[in-house]
Amino acid sequence: MRKHFSNISVVLFALLSGTIFGLGLILAGMANPAKVLAFLDLAGLWDPSLALVMGGAISIGLIAFTLAKKRNISFLGLKMHLPTTRIIDKRLVIGGLAFGIGWGLSGICPAPAFVLLGAGSIKGIIFVIFMLIGMEIYERIESYRKK
């Protein structure tokens, strides 16, 4: 029989995972918007290091999702919630474009934004505020659509 972990264990595991992920972003330089913008600058001094970080992340994610698909319960004893749809619709494309444009303009995506926020960076603070505003706009649009 699988052992179910307490809520505190789940929170501690999430905290440990987030800390390791954040440290990885810092060590790879991915919390630095200039590093990301250098990757996007194909006409200038292009920095391919972000592609290597993304390739590593995709490889690990591929392995993790392949293993997760074979399970009904997580290692912590919780129900697995994996995406089931494979449909590429207008909402997905618009959301992806909005994310990409924001990332390209700022050089920041959500995970590094929280690293910058924790470091007290004004760029991180501004990004997180506007990210939260964007999330609120999405929620309002979704609630309007469901009426």
N, C-alpha and C. Protein backbone atom coordinates (compact mmCIF):
# COMPACT_ATOMS: atom_id res chain seq x y z
N MET A 1 0.84 -1.18 0.00
CA MET A 1 0.00 0.00 0.00
C MET A 1 0.88 1.24 0.00
N ARG A 2 0.52 2.23 -0.78
CA ARG A 2 1.27 3.47 -0.88
C ARG A 2 1.09 4.30 0.37
N LYS A 3 2.18 4.87 0.80
CA LYS A 3 2.12 5.77 1.95
C LYS A 3 1.74 7.16 1.47
N HIS A 4 0.77 7.78 2.11
CA HIS A 4 0.37 9.15 1.78
C HIS A 4 1.14 10.09 2.69
N PHE A 5 1.69 11.13 2.09
CA PHE A 5 2.46 12.09 2.83
C PHE A 5 1.56 13.18 3.40
N SER A 6 1.99 13.77 4.47
CA SER A 6 1.21 14.85 5.09
C SER A 6 1.33 16.12 4.24
N ASN A 7 0.44 17.07 4.50
CA ASN A 7 0.48 18.34 3.79
C ASN A 7 1.81 19.05 3.99
N ILE A 8 2.37 18.94 5.19
CA ILE A 8 3.65 19.60 5.46
C ILE A 8 4.75 18.99 4.60
N SER A 9 4.71 17.68 4.37
CA SER A 9 5.70 17.02 3.52
C SER A 9 5.59 17.52 2.08
N VAL A 10 4.36 17.68 1.62
CA VAL A 10 4.13 18.17 0.26
C VAL A 10 4.67 19.59 0.13
N VAL A 11 4.38 20.44 1.12
CA VAL A 11 4.85 21.83 1.09
C VAL A 11 6.38 21.87 1.14
N LEU A 12 6.98 21.06 1.99
CA LEU A 12 8.45 21.04 2.09
C LEU A 12 9.08 20.54 0.79
N PHE A 13 8.47 19.54 0.17
CA PHE A 13 8.97 19.03 -1.10
C PHE A 13 8.87 20.11 -2.18
N ALA A 14 7.75 20.82 -2.20
CA ALA A 14 7.57 21.91 -3.17
C ALA A 14 8.59 23.02 -2.92
N LEU A 15 8.82 23.35 -1.65
CA LEU A 15 9.81 24.38 -1.31
C LEU A 15 11.21 23.96 -1.74
N LEU A 16 11.57 22.72 -1.47
CA LEU A 16 12.88 22.21 -1.87
C LEU A 16 13.02 22.21 -3.39
N SER A 17 11.98 21.74 -4.10
CA SER A 17 12.02 21.72 -5.56
C SER A 17 12.16 23.11 -6.14
N GLY A 18 11.39 24.06 -5.61
CA GLY A 18 11.46 25.44 -6.09
C GLY A 18 12.81 26.07 -5.81
N THR A 19 13.38 25.76 -4.65
CA THR A 19 14.69 26.30 -4.29
C THR A 19 15.77 25.77 -5.23
N ILE A 20 15.73 24.48 -5.49
CA ILE A 20 16.71 23.88 -6.42
C ILE A 20 16.55 24.47 -7.81
N PHE A 21 15.31 24.63 -8.26
CA PHE A 21 15.04 25.21 -9.58
C PHE A 21 15.56 26.65 -9.64
N GLY A 22 15.26 27.44 -8.61
CA GLY A 22 15.72 28.82 -8.56
C GLY A 22 17.24 28.92 -8.56
N LEU A 23 17.90 28.06 -7.78
CA LEU A 23 19.36 28.06 -7.77
C LEU A 23 19.92 27.69 -9.14
N GLY A 24 19.26 26.74 -9.79
CA GLY A 24 19.68 26.38 -11.15
C GLY A 24 19.56 27.54 -12.11
N LEU A 25 18.48 28.30 -12.00
CA LEU A 25 18.31 29.49 -12.85
C LEU A 25 19.41 30.51 -12.58
N ILE A 26 19.72 30.71 -11.31
CA ILE A 26 20.77 31.67 -10.95
C ILE A 26 22.12 31.21 -11.47
N LEU A 27 22.46 29.94 -11.23
CA LEU A 27 23.76 29.41 -11.68
C LEU A 27 23.90 29.46 -13.20
N ALA A 28 22.81 29.22 -13.92
CA ALA A 28 22.85 29.24 -15.39
C ALA A 28 22.78 30.66 -15.94
N GLY A 29 22.54 31.64 -15.06
CA GLY A 29 22.45 33.03 -15.50
C GLY A 29 21.11 33.38 -16.10
N MET A 30 20.13 32.49 -15.98
CA MET A 30 18.83 32.70 -16.63
C MET A 30 17.93 33.67 -15.86
N ALA A 31 18.34 34.09 -14.66
CA ALA A 31 17.58 35.11 -13.93
C ALA A 31 18.00 36.51 -14.38
N ASN A 32 18.99 36.57 -15.24
CA ASN A 32 19.50 37.84 -15.75
C ASN A 32 18.82 38.15 -17.09
N PRO A 33 17.94 39.16 -17.13
CA PRO A 33 17.24 39.47 -18.38
C PRO A 33 18.19 39.75 -19.55
N ALA A 34 19.36 40.30 -19.28
CA ALA A 34 20.32 40.59 -20.36
C ALA A 34 20.78 39.30 -21.04
N LYS A 35 20.90 38.22 -20.28
CA LYS A 35 21.31 36.93 -20.84
C LYS A 35 20.24 36.41 -21.79
N VAL A 36 18.99 36.55 -21.40
CA VAL A 36 17.88 36.10 -22.23
C VAL A 36 17.78 36.96 -23.49
N LEU A 37 17.90 38.26 -23.32
CA LEU A 37 17.82 39.16 -24.48
C LEU A 37 18.98 38.91 -25.45
N ALA A 38 20.15 38.51 -24.92
CA ALA A 38 21.29 38.19 -25.80
C ALA A 38 21.00 36.94 -26.63
N PHE A 39 20.21 36.02 -26.08
CA PHE A 39 19.80 34.84 -26.84
C PHE A 39 18.86 35.24 -27.99
N LEU A 40 18.01 36.22 -27.73
CA LEU A 40 17.05 36.65 -28.74
C LEU A 40 17.65 37.59 -29.78
N ASP A 41 18.86 38.07 -29.54
CA ASP A 41 19.52 39.02 -30.46
C ASP A 41 20.29 38.25 -31.53
N LEU A 42 19.58 37.77 -32.53
CA LEU A 42 20.21 36.97 -33.58
C LEU A 42 21.13 37.78 -34.47
N ALA A 43 20.90 39.08 -34.58
CA ALA A 43 21.71 39.92 -35.46
C ALA A 43 22.94 40.48 -34.74
N GLY A 44 23.01 40.35 -33.43
CA GLY A 44 24.12 40.91 -32.67
C GLY A 44 25.03 39.81 -32.13
N LEU A 45 25.42 39.96 -30.88
CA LEU A 45 26.27 38.97 -30.23
C LEU A 45 25.38 37.89 -29.61
N TRP A 46 24.97 36.95 -30.44
CA TRP A 46 24.04 35.91 -30.03
C TRP A 46 24.66 35.01 -28.97
N ASP A 47 23.90 34.74 -27.91
CA ASP A 47 24.35 33.87 -26.82
C ASP A 47 23.48 32.61 -26.82
N PRO A 48 24.03 31.46 -27.24
CA PRO A 48 23.22 30.24 -27.37
C PRO A 48 22.98 29.51 -26.05
N SER A 49 23.48 30.02 -24.94
CA SER A 49 23.39 29.27 -23.68
C SER A 49 21.95 28.99 -23.25
N LEU A 50 21.02 29.87 -23.55
CA LEU A 50 19.63 29.62 -23.20
C LEU A 50 19.10 28.39 -23.93
N ALA A 51 19.52 28.20 -25.17
CA ALA A 51 19.09 27.02 -25.93
C ALA A 51 19.58 25.74 -25.24
N LEU A 52 20.78 25.77 -24.69
CA LEU A 52 21.30 24.61 -23.97
C LEU A 52 20.50 24.35 -22.70
N VAL A 53 20.17 25.41 -21.97
CA VAL A 53 19.37 25.27 -20.75
C VAL A 53 17.98 24.72 -21.11
N MET A 54 17.36 25.28 -22.17
CA MET A 54 16.04 24.80 -22.59
C MET A 54 16.11 23.34 -23.04
N GLY A 55 17.17 22.99 -23.77
CA GLY A 55 17.33 21.59 -24.21
C GLY A 55 17.43 20.64 -23.04
N GLY A 56 18.18 21.04 -22.02
CA GLY A 56 18.28 20.22 -20.81
C GLY A 56 16.94 20.09 -20.11
N ALA A 57 16.21 21.20 -20.02
CA ALA A 57 14.91 21.18 -19.36
C ALA A 57 13.91 20.32 -20.13
N ILE A 58 13.93 20.42 -21.45
CA ILE A 58 13.02 19.62 -22.28
C ILE A 58 13.35 18.14 -22.12
N SER A 59 14.62 17.80 -22.08
CA SER A 59 15.03 16.40 -21.91
C SER A 59 14.53 15.84 -20.59
N ILE A 60 14.74 16.58 -19.52
CA ILE A 60 14.28 16.14 -18.20
C ILE A 60 12.76 16.06 -18.16
N GLY A 61 12.09 17.06 -18.74
CA GLY A 61 10.63 17.06 -18.78
C GLY A 61 10.08 15.88 -19.57
N LEU A 62 10.73 15.54 -20.68
CA LEU A 62 10.30 14.41 -21.50
C LEU A 62 10.36 13.12 -20.70
N ILE A 63 11.45 12.93 -19.98
CA ILE A 63 11.60 11.74 -19.14
C ILE A 63 10.53 11.74 -18.03
N ALA A 64 10.37 12.89 -17.36
CA ALA A 64 9.42 12.98 -16.26
C ALA A 64 7.99 12.72 -16.72
N PHE A 65 7.58 13.32 -17.84
CA PHE A 65 6.22 13.12 -18.33
C PHE A 65 6.00 11.70 -18.85
N THR A 66 7.03 11.09 -19.43
CA THR A 66 6.92 9.71 -19.89
C THR A 66 6.67 8.79 -18.69
N LEU A 67 7.40 9.00 -17.61
CA LEU A 67 7.20 8.21 -16.40
C LEU A 67 5.86 8.53 -15.75
N ALA A 68 5.47 9.79 -15.73
CA ALA A 68 4.22 10.20 -15.08
C ALA A 68 3.00 9.62 -15.77
N LYS A 69 3.06 9.48 -17.09
CA LYS A 69 1.92 8.93 -17.84
C LYS A 69 1.61 7.49 -17.43
N LYS A 70 2.59 6.81 -16.87
CA LYS A 70 2.42 5.41 -16.48
C LYS A 70 1.89 5.28 -15.05
N ARG A 71 1.65 6.39 -14.40
CA ARG A 71 1.23 6.37 -13.00
C ARG A 71 -0.13 7.02 -12.82
N ASN A 72 -0.85 6.60 -11.80
CA ASN A 72 -2.11 7.24 -11.43
C ASN A 72 -1.94 8.11 -10.20
N ILE A 73 -0.90 7.80 -9.42
CA ILE A 73 -0.65 8.51 -8.17
C ILE A 73 0.81 8.98 -8.18
N SER A 74 1.04 10.20 -7.69
CA SER A 74 2.39 10.75 -7.64
C SER A 74 3.22 10.04 -6.57
N PHE A 75 4.50 10.33 -6.55
CA PHE A 75 5.38 9.75 -5.53
C PHE A 75 4.99 10.21 -4.12
N LEU A 76 4.28 11.33 -4.04
CA LEU A 76 3.82 11.81 -2.74
C LEU A 76 2.43 11.27 -2.39
N GLY A 77 1.89 10.39 -3.23
CA GLY A 77 0.61 9.78 -2.95
C GLY A 77 -0.59 10.59 -3.40
N LEU A 78 -0.37 11.62 -4.19
CA LEU A 78 -1.46 12.48 -4.67
C LEU A 78 -1.91 12.04 -6.06
N LYS A 79 -3.16 12.36 -6.41
CA LYS A 79 -3.69 12.03 -7.73
C LYS A 79 -2.93 12.82 -8.80
N MET A 80 -2.62 12.15 -9.90
CA MET A 80 -1.92 12.79 -11.01
C MET A 80 -2.91 13.62 -11.83
N HIS A 81 -2.52 14.82 -12.20
CA HIS A 81 -3.33 15.69 -13.05
C HIS A 81 -2.48 16.09 -14.26
N LEU A 82 -2.55 15.32 -15.31
CA LEU A 82 -1.78 15.59 -16.52
C LEU A 82 -2.70 16.13 -17.60
N PRO A 83 -2.17 16.98 -18.48
CA PRO A 83 -3.01 17.49 -19.58
C PRO A 83 -3.47 16.34 -20.47
N THR A 84 -4.70 16.46 -20.96
CA THR A 84 -5.23 15.40 -21.81
C THR A 84 -5.48 15.88 -23.24
N THR A 85 -5.66 17.16 -23.44
CA THR A 85 -5.97 17.67 -24.78
C THR A 85 -4.70 17.90 -25.58
N ARG A 86 -4.80 17.70 -26.88
CA ARG A 86 -3.69 17.95 -27.79
C ARG A 86 -4.11 18.95 -28.87
N ILE A 87 -5.21 19.64 -28.61
CA ILE A 87 -5.78 20.57 -29.58
C ILE A 87 -5.03 21.91 -29.52
N ILE A 88 -4.62 22.39 -30.67
CA ILE A 88 -4.01 23.72 -30.76
C ILE A 88 -5.11 24.65 -31.27
N ASP A 89 -5.62 25.48 -30.38
CA ASP A 89 -6.72 26.37 -30.75
C ASP A 89 -6.26 27.83 -30.67
N LYS A 90 -7.20 28.71 -30.99
CA LYS A 90 -6.92 30.15 -31.03
C LYS A 90 -6.45 30.66 -29.67
N ARG A 91 -7.06 30.19 -28.60
CA ARG A 91 -6.69 30.65 -27.26
C ARG A 91 -5.25 30.26 -26.92
N LEU A 92 -4.84 29.05 -27.29
CA LEU A 92 -3.48 28.60 -27.03
C LEU A 92 -2.48 29.44 -27.81
N VAL A 93 -2.77 29.69 -29.08
CA VAL A 93 -1.86 30.47 -29.93
C VAL A 93 -1.75 31.91 -29.41
N ILE A 94 -2.88 32.54 -29.07
CA ILE A 94 -2.85 33.92 -28.56
C ILE A 94 -2.11 33.97 -27.23
N GLY A 95 -2.36 33.01 -26.35
CA GLY A 95 -1.66 32.97 -25.07
C GLY A 95 -0.16 32.79 -25.26
N GLY A 96 0.22 31.91 -26.17
CA GLY A 96 1.64 31.69 -26.45
C GLY A 96 2.29 32.94 -27.03
N LEU A 97 1.58 33.62 -27.91
CA LEU A 97 2.11 34.87 -28.48
C LEU A 97 2.27 35.95 -27.41
N ALA A 98 1.27 36.07 -26.54
CA ALA A 98 1.35 37.07 -25.46
C ALA A 98 2.52 36.76 -24.53
N PHE A 99 2.69 35.48 -24.19
CA PHE A 99 3.82 35.08 -23.34
C PHE A 99 5.14 35.40 -24.04
N GLY A 100 5.25 35.01 -25.30
CA GLY A 100 6.49 35.23 -26.05
C GLY A 100 6.83 36.69 -26.22
N ILE A 101 5.83 37.50 -26.50
CA ILE A 101 6.07 38.95 -26.67
C ILE A 101 6.53 39.56 -25.35
N GLY A 102 5.85 39.20 -24.25
CA GLY A 102 6.26 39.71 -22.94
C GLY A 102 7.66 39.27 -22.57
N TRP A 103 7.98 38.03 -22.86
CA TRP A 103 9.31 37.49 -22.56
C TRP A 103 10.37 38.19 -23.41
N GLY A 104 10.05 38.38 -24.69
CA GLY A 104 11.00 39.04 -25.59
C GLY A 104 11.24 40.50 -25.25
N LEU A 105 10.18 41.20 -24.82
CA LEU A 105 10.34 42.62 -24.47
C LEU A 105 11.08 42.82 -23.15
N SER A 106 10.83 41.93 -22.20
CA SER A 106 11.42 42.12 -20.86
C SER A 106 12.65 41.28 -20.62
N GLY A 107 12.77 40.15 -21.31
CA GLY A 107 13.86 39.23 -21.03
C GLY A 107 13.58 38.39 -19.78
N ILE A 108 12.35 38.43 -19.31
CA ILE A 108 11.99 37.73 -18.07
C ILE A 108 10.79 36.83 -18.35
N CYS A 109 10.84 35.60 -17.83
CA CYS A 109 9.65 34.75 -17.82
C CYS A 109 9.30 34.47 -16.36
N PRO A 110 8.17 33.82 -16.09
CA PRO A 110 7.69 33.75 -14.71
C PRO A 110 8.67 33.20 -13.66
N ALA A 111 9.34 32.11 -13.93
CA ALA A 111 10.24 31.55 -12.90
C ALA A 111 11.36 32.51 -12.54
N PRO A 112 12.12 33.03 -13.51
CA PRO A 112 13.15 34.01 -13.16
C PRO A 112 12.57 35.28 -12.53
N ALA A 113 11.32 35.61 -12.86
CA ALA A 113 10.69 36.79 -12.26
C ALA A 113 10.60 36.63 -10.75
N PHE A 114 10.28 35.42 -10.30
CA PHE A 114 10.19 35.20 -8.85
C PHE A 114 11.57 35.18 -8.20
N VAL A 115 12.59 34.74 -8.94
CA VAL A 115 13.96 34.83 -8.43
C VAL A 115 14.34 36.30 -8.27
N LEU A 116 14.03 37.10 -9.29
CA LEU A 116 14.32 38.54 -9.23
C LEU A 116 13.50 39.22 -8.13
N LEU A 117 12.25 38.80 -7.97
CA LEU A 117 11.40 39.35 -6.92
C LEU A 117 12.03 39.08 -5.55
N GLY A 118 12.48 37.84 -5.35
CA GLY A 118 13.13 37.47 -4.09
C GLY A 118 14.41 38.25 -3.85
N ALA A 119 15.07 38.65 -4.93
CA ALA A 119 16.31 39.43 -4.81
C ALA A 119 16.02 40.92 -4.64
N GLY A 120 14.76 41.30 -4.70
CA GLY A 120 14.39 42.71 -4.53
C GLY A 120 14.59 43.56 -5.77
N SER A 121 14.73 42.91 -6.94
CA SER A 121 14.93 43.64 -8.19
C SER A 121 13.66 44.39 -8.59
N ILE A 122 13.80 45.65 -8.94
CA ILE A 122 12.64 46.45 -9.37
C ILE A 122 12.04 45.86 -10.64
N LYS A 123 12.88 45.34 -11.55
CA LYS A 123 12.36 44.70 -12.77
C LYS A 123 11.51 43.49 -12.42
N GLY A 124 11.97 42.70 -11.45
CA GLY A 124 11.21 41.53 -11.02
C GLY A 124 9.89 41.93 -10.39
N ILE A 125 9.91 42.96 -9.57
CA ILE A 125 8.70 43.44 -8.90
C ILE A 125 7.68 43.91 -9.93
N ILE A 126 8.13 44.72 -10.89
CA ILE A 126 7.24 45.24 -11.93
C ILE A 126 6.69 44.09 -12.77
N PHE A 127 7.55 43.15 -13.14
CA PHE A 127 7.11 42.02 -13.96
C PHE A 127 6.04 41.22 -13.23
N VAL A 128 6.28 40.89 -11.96
CA VAL A 128 5.32 40.08 -11.21
C VAL A 128 3.99 40.82 -11.05
N ILE A 129 4.04 42.12 -10.80
CA ILE A 129 2.80 42.89 -10.68
C ILE A 129 1.99 42.80 -11.97
N PHE A 130 2.65 43.01 -13.10
CA PHE A 130 1.94 42.96 -14.38
C PHE A 130 1.53 41.53 -14.75
N MET A 131 2.31 40.54 -14.32
CA MET A 131 1.92 39.16 -14.55
C MET A 131 0.63 38.85 -13.78
N LEU A 132 0.55 39.33 -12.53
CA LEU A 132 -0.66 39.13 -11.74
C LEU A 132 -1.86 39.87 -12.35
N ILE A 133 -1.62 41.05 -12.89
CA ILE A 133 -2.69 41.79 -13.58
C ILE A 133 -3.17 40.98 -14.79
N GLY A 134 -2.23 40.44 -15.55
CA GLY A 134 -2.59 39.61 -16.71
C GLY A 134 -3.38 38.38 -16.30
N MET A 135 -3.01 37.77 -15.18
CA MET A 135 -3.75 36.60 -14.69
C MET A 135 -5.17 36.99 -14.28
N GLU A 136 -5.32 38.15 -13.68
CA GLU A 136 -6.64 38.63 -13.29
C GLU A 136 -7.50 38.92 -14.53
N ILE A 137 -6.90 39.52 -15.54
CA ILE A 137 -7.62 39.78 -16.79
C ILE A 137 -8.09 38.46 -17.40
N TYR A 138 -7.22 37.46 -17.41
CA TYR A 138 -7.59 36.14 -17.93
C TYR A 138 -8.78 35.58 -17.15
N GLU A 139 -8.72 35.63 -15.82
CA GLU A 139 -9.82 35.10 -15.00
C GLU A 139 -11.14 35.82 -15.30
N ARG A 140 -11.08 37.12 -15.48
CA ARG A 140 -12.30 37.88 -15.78
C ARG A 140 -12.86 37.50 -17.16
N ILE A 141 -11.97 37.34 -18.13
CA ILE A 141 -12.41 36.92 -19.47
C ILE A 141 -13.04 35.54 -19.40
N GLU A 142 -12.43 34.63 -18.66
CA GLU A 142 -12.96 33.27 -18.54
C GLU A 142 -14.31 33.26 -17.84
N SER A 143 -14.46 34.05 -16.78
CA SER A 143 -15.75 34.08 -16.09
C SER A 143 -16.83 34.71 -16.99
N TYR A 144 -16.45 35.69 -17.80
CA TYR A 144 -17.39 36.31 -18.75
C TYR A 144 -17.81 35.29 -19.81
N ARG A 145 -16.86 34.51 -20.30
CA ARG A 145 -17.15 33.51 -21.34
C ARG A 145 -18.08 32.42 -20.84
N LYS A 146 -18.01 32.10 -19.56
CA LYS A 146 -18.83 31.03 -19.00
C LYS A 146 -20.26 31.45 -18.70
N LYS A 147 -20.54 32.76 -18.79
CA LYS A 147 -21.91 33.25 -18.53
C LYS A 147 -22.82 32.98 -19.68
